[in-house]
Amino acid sequence: MDVVETKPVIANICEQKIQPVEIEILPVVYDIIRSVEKDPIDNTAKQKESAECSQKVLELQRALETARSTIRKLNGIEYSKEEQLRRLDSLRKQLTLKQQLIKKYKNVQF
C-alpha cells in the first residue's frame, strides 16, 4: 500500500465571508451625463441642475468607494496574478489528491 504524504502548501487561509454588494454605476453615470447635457437658459435653473449634478457625482463616488472597500476585503487580493494562479494550481492538486485518497479508502475493507 502506497502512503502519500500531503503537506499543506497554503497555511492560515482565513475564511472571510464577504456579502455580495449590488452596485449600479451605469444609471448614475447616465443621469450625470443627462444633467450635463441639459443647458437651461436662466441662472436659477442652471444652479438647480448644477446642484443635482453634484449630488449625482457624490452618489457615484459613494458607490465606487463601496466597491473599492469590498474589493479590498477579498481574500488573496494582496497577491499578484501569478501568485494567485500558483496558489490555485496548488489547491487543485491538493483537491485531486484528497479525492483520490477518499476513493482509495472507500474501497478498502477493514
Protein backbone atom coordinates (compact mmCIF):
# COMPACT_ATOMS: atom_id res chain seq x y z
CA MET A 1 0.00 0.00 0.00
CA ASP A 2 1.49 3.33 -1.01
CA VAL A 3 1.40 6.07 1.54
CA VAL A 4 1.00 9.52 0.11
CA GLU A 5 2.03 12.37 2.34
CA THR A 6 0.35 15.69 1.83
CA LYS A 7 1.72 18.92 3.11
CA PRO A 8 -0.47 21.97 3.04
CA VAL A 9 1.23 24.48 0.82
CA ILE A 10 -1.07 27.29 1.80
CA ALA A 11 -1.38 27.74 5.52
CA ASN A 12 -3.51 30.11 7.53
CA ILE A 13 -6.21 30.61 4.95
CA CYS A 14 -8.75 32.70 6.76
CA GLU A 15 -12.24 32.08 5.55
CA GLN A 16 -13.78 35.51 5.44
CA LYS A 17 -17.30 35.74 4.15
CA ILE A 18 -17.94 38.79 2.03
CA GLN A 19 -21.53 39.77 1.49
CA PRO A 20 -22.34 40.45 -2.16
CA VAL A 21 -22.77 44.13 -2.89
CA GLU A 22 -25.18 45.30 -5.53
CA ILE A 23 -23.68 48.39 -7.09
CA GLU A 24 -25.31 50.00 -10.05
CA ILE A 25 -22.95 52.56 -11.51
CA LEU A 26 -24.23 52.95 -15.05
CA PRO A 27 -27.61 54.52 -14.18
CA VAL A 28 -25.84 57.14 -12.06
CA VAL A 29 -23.33 57.87 -14.84
CA TYR A 30 -26.22 58.14 -17.29
CA ASP A 31 -28.00 60.63 -15.00
CA ILE A 32 -24.82 62.69 -14.68
CA ILE A 33 -24.38 62.82 -18.45
CA ARG A 34 -28.02 63.82 -18.94
CA SER A 35 -27.63 66.56 -16.34
CA VAL A 36 -24.54 67.91 -18.07
CA GLU A 37 -26.20 67.78 -21.50
CA LYS A 38 -29.14 69.90 -20.32
CA ASP A 39 -28.49 73.54 -20.95
CA PRO A 40 -31.08 75.65 -19.14
CA ILE A 41 -31.31 79.26 -20.17
CA ASP A 42 -31.93 81.02 -16.85
CA ASN A 43 -29.45 81.07 -13.97
CA THR A 44 -31.75 79.58 -11.34
CA ALA A 45 -32.36 76.51 -13.49
CA LYS A 46 -28.62 76.26 -14.15
CA GLN A 47 -27.89 76.40 -10.42
CA LYS A 48 -30.53 73.76 -9.72
CA GLU A 49 -29.15 71.45 -12.43
CA SER A 50 -25.63 72.05 -11.16
CA ALA A 51 -26.65 71.11 -7.61
CA GLU A 52 -28.44 67.97 -8.84
CA CYS A 53 -25.42 67.01 -10.92
CA SER A 54 -23.16 67.49 -7.89
CA GLN A 55 -25.43 65.23 -5.83
CA LYS A 56 -25.27 62.58 -8.54
CA VAL A 57 -21.46 62.81 -8.65
CA LEU A 58 -21.33 62.36 -4.87
CA GLU A 59 -23.64 59.35 -5.18
CA LEU A 60 -21.30 57.88 -7.82
CA GLN A 61 -18.29 58.49 -5.57
CA ARG A 62 -20.02 56.69 -2.68
CA ALA A 63 -20.88 53.73 -4.90
CA LEU A 64 -17.31 53.50 -6.17
CA GLU A 65 -15.91 53.73 -2.65
CA THR A 66 -18.24 50.92 -1.55
CA ALA A 67 -16.96 48.79 -4.43
CA ARG A 68 -13.33 49.59 -3.55
CA SER A 69 -13.79 48.72 0.10
CA THR A 70 -15.46 45.42 -0.82
CA ILE A 71 -12.63 44.56 -3.20
CA ARG A 72 -10.02 45.34 -0.53
CA LYS A 73 -11.69 42.80 1.78
CA LEU A 74 -11.42 39.96 -0.72
CA ASN A 75 -9.19 37.10 0.33
CA GLY A 76 -5.94 36.93 -1.68
CA ILE A 77 -6.22 40.36 -3.27
CA GLU A 78 -2.76 41.26 -1.95
CA TYR A 79 -1.13 38.61 -4.17
CA SER A 80 -0.04 39.11 -7.76
CA LYS A 81 -1.85 37.32 -10.57
CA GLU A 82 0.99 34.82 -10.92
CA GLU A 83 0.96 34.03 -7.18
CA GLN A 84 -2.81 33.60 -7.23
CA LEU A 85 -2.52 31.20 -10.16
CA ARG A 86 0.22 29.23 -8.35
CA ARG A 87 -1.92 29.02 -5.23
CA LEU A 88 -4.95 27.95 -7.29
CA ASP A 89 -2.91 25.23 -9.01
CA SER A 90 -1.62 24.04 -5.63
CA LEU A 91 -5.14 23.89 -4.21
CA ARG A 92 -6.39 21.98 -7.25
CA LYS A 93 -3.57 19.44 -6.84
CA GLN A 94 -4.43 19.07 -3.15
CA LEU A 95 -8.09 18.56 -4.02
CA THR A 96 -7.27 15.91 -6.62
CA LEU A 97 -5.00 14.11 -4.17
CA LYS A 98 -7.62 14.18 -1.43
CA GLN A 99 -10.30 12.92 -3.81
CA GLN A 100 -8.01 10.05 -4.81
CA LEU A 101 -7.38 9.20 -1.16
CA ILE A 102 -11.09 9.25 -0.36
CA LYS A 103 -11.82 6.99 -3.32
CA LYS A 104 -8.98 4.68 -2.27
CA TYR A 105 -10.14 4.41 1.34
CA LYS A 106 -13.78 3.90 0.35
CA ASN A 107 -12.75 0.75 -1.49
CA VAL A 108 -10.63 -0.61 1.40
CA GLN A 109 -12.36 -3.16 3.62
CA PHE A 110 -11.31 -3.33 7.25
